């Protein structure tokens, strides 16, 4: 099902989408870009330690498929 939006409503939705990130709303494009630029040097060092406990090692080892497959 496709919803048709008026041009004005579409612009409002795009602005809301563009200005929202991880629960944070940025007041302008400039503040969003500033937050992106400060992430590697400021934000990452602050949150890196807490992320280690969230990383999981739930990987499965799969056997390779047989090369003699007769699939069509």
Protein backbone atom coordinates (compact mmCIF):
# COMPACT_ATOMS: atom_id res chain seq x y z
CA UNK A 1 0.00 0.00 0.00
CA UNK A 2 1.46 3.32 -1.04
CA UNK A 3 0.52 6.55 0.68
CA UNK A 4 0.48 9.72 -1.40
CA UNK A 5 1.77 12.78 0.43
CA UNK A 6 1.36 16.38 -0.54
CA UNK A 7 4.65 18.10 -1.47
CA UNK A 8 4.56 20.10 1.78
CA UNK A 9 3.92 17.01 3.93
CA UNK A 10 6.64 15.10 2.07
CA UNK A 11 9.11 17.90 2.83
CA UNK A 12 8.09 17.88 6.52
CA UNK A 13 8.58 14.11 6.73
CA UNK A 14 11.98 14.34 5.01
CA UNK A 15 13.10 17.10 7.37
CA UNK A 16 11.98 15.08 10.39
CA UNK A 17 13.79 12.00 9.07
CA UNK A 18 16.95 13.94 8.23
CA UNK A 19 17.09 15.71 11.58
CA UNK A 20 16.51 12.66 13.79
CA UNK A 21 19.26 10.25 14.67
CA UNK A 22 19.36 7.75 17.50
CA UNK A 23 16.71 9.59 19.48
CA UNK A 24 18.43 12.93 19.02
CA UNK A 25 16.88 15.76 17.05
CA UNK A 26 19.23 18.25 15.47
CA UNK A 27 17.98 21.79 15.09
CA UNK A 28 19.73 22.31 11.78
CA UNK A 29 21.87 20.69 9.15
CA UNK A 30 24.90 22.50 10.59
CA UNK A 31 24.46 20.95 14.05
CA UNK A 32 23.98 17.50 12.50
CA UNK A 33 27.18 17.85 10.48
CA UNK A 34 29.00 19.10 13.56
CA UNK A 35 27.86 16.03 15.54
CA UNK A 36 29.00 13.74 12.73
CA UNK A 37 32.41 15.41 12.57
CA UNK A 38 32.97 15.24 16.33
CA UNK A 39 32.01 11.56 16.54
CA UNK A 40 35.47 10.03 15.88
CA UNK A 41 37.40 12.30 18.23
CA UNK A 42 34.88 13.05 20.99
CA UNK A 43 31.89 10.71 21.03
CA UNK A 44 33.63 7.45 20.14
CA UNK A 45 36.20 7.62 22.97
CA UNK A 46 33.34 8.29 25.42
CA UNK A 47 31.20 5.30 24.35
CA UNK A 48 33.76 2.75 23.14
CA UNK A 49 34.21 1.10 26.54
CA UNK A 50 30.51 0.48 27.01
CA UNK A 51 30.15 -1.06 23.54
CA UNK A 52 32.55 -3.93 24.25
CA UNK A 53 29.98 -5.65 26.47
CA UNK A 54 27.35 -5.39 23.73
CA UNK A 55 29.36 -7.18 21.04
CA UNK A 56 28.38 -10.82 20.70
CA UNK A 57 30.20 -13.76 19.24
CA UNK A 58 27.13 -15.62 18.02
CA UNK A 59 28.46 -16.72 14.67
CA UNK A 60 27.73 -20.08 13.11
CA UNK A 61 30.28 -22.11 11.19
CA UNK A 62 28.59 -23.48 8.10
CA UNK A 63 29.80 -26.38 5.99
CA UNK A 64 30.52 -25.41 2.38
CA UNK A 65 27.93 -26.52 -0.15
CA UNK A 66 28.83 -29.49 -2.30
CA UNK A 67 30.23 -28.51 -5.68
CA UNK A 68 28.37 -31.41 -7.30
CA UNK A 69 24.98 -29.76 -6.90
CA UNK A 70 22.51 -30.71 -9.63
CA UNK A 71 20.30 -27.71 -8.97
CA UNK A 72 18.55 -26.15 -11.93
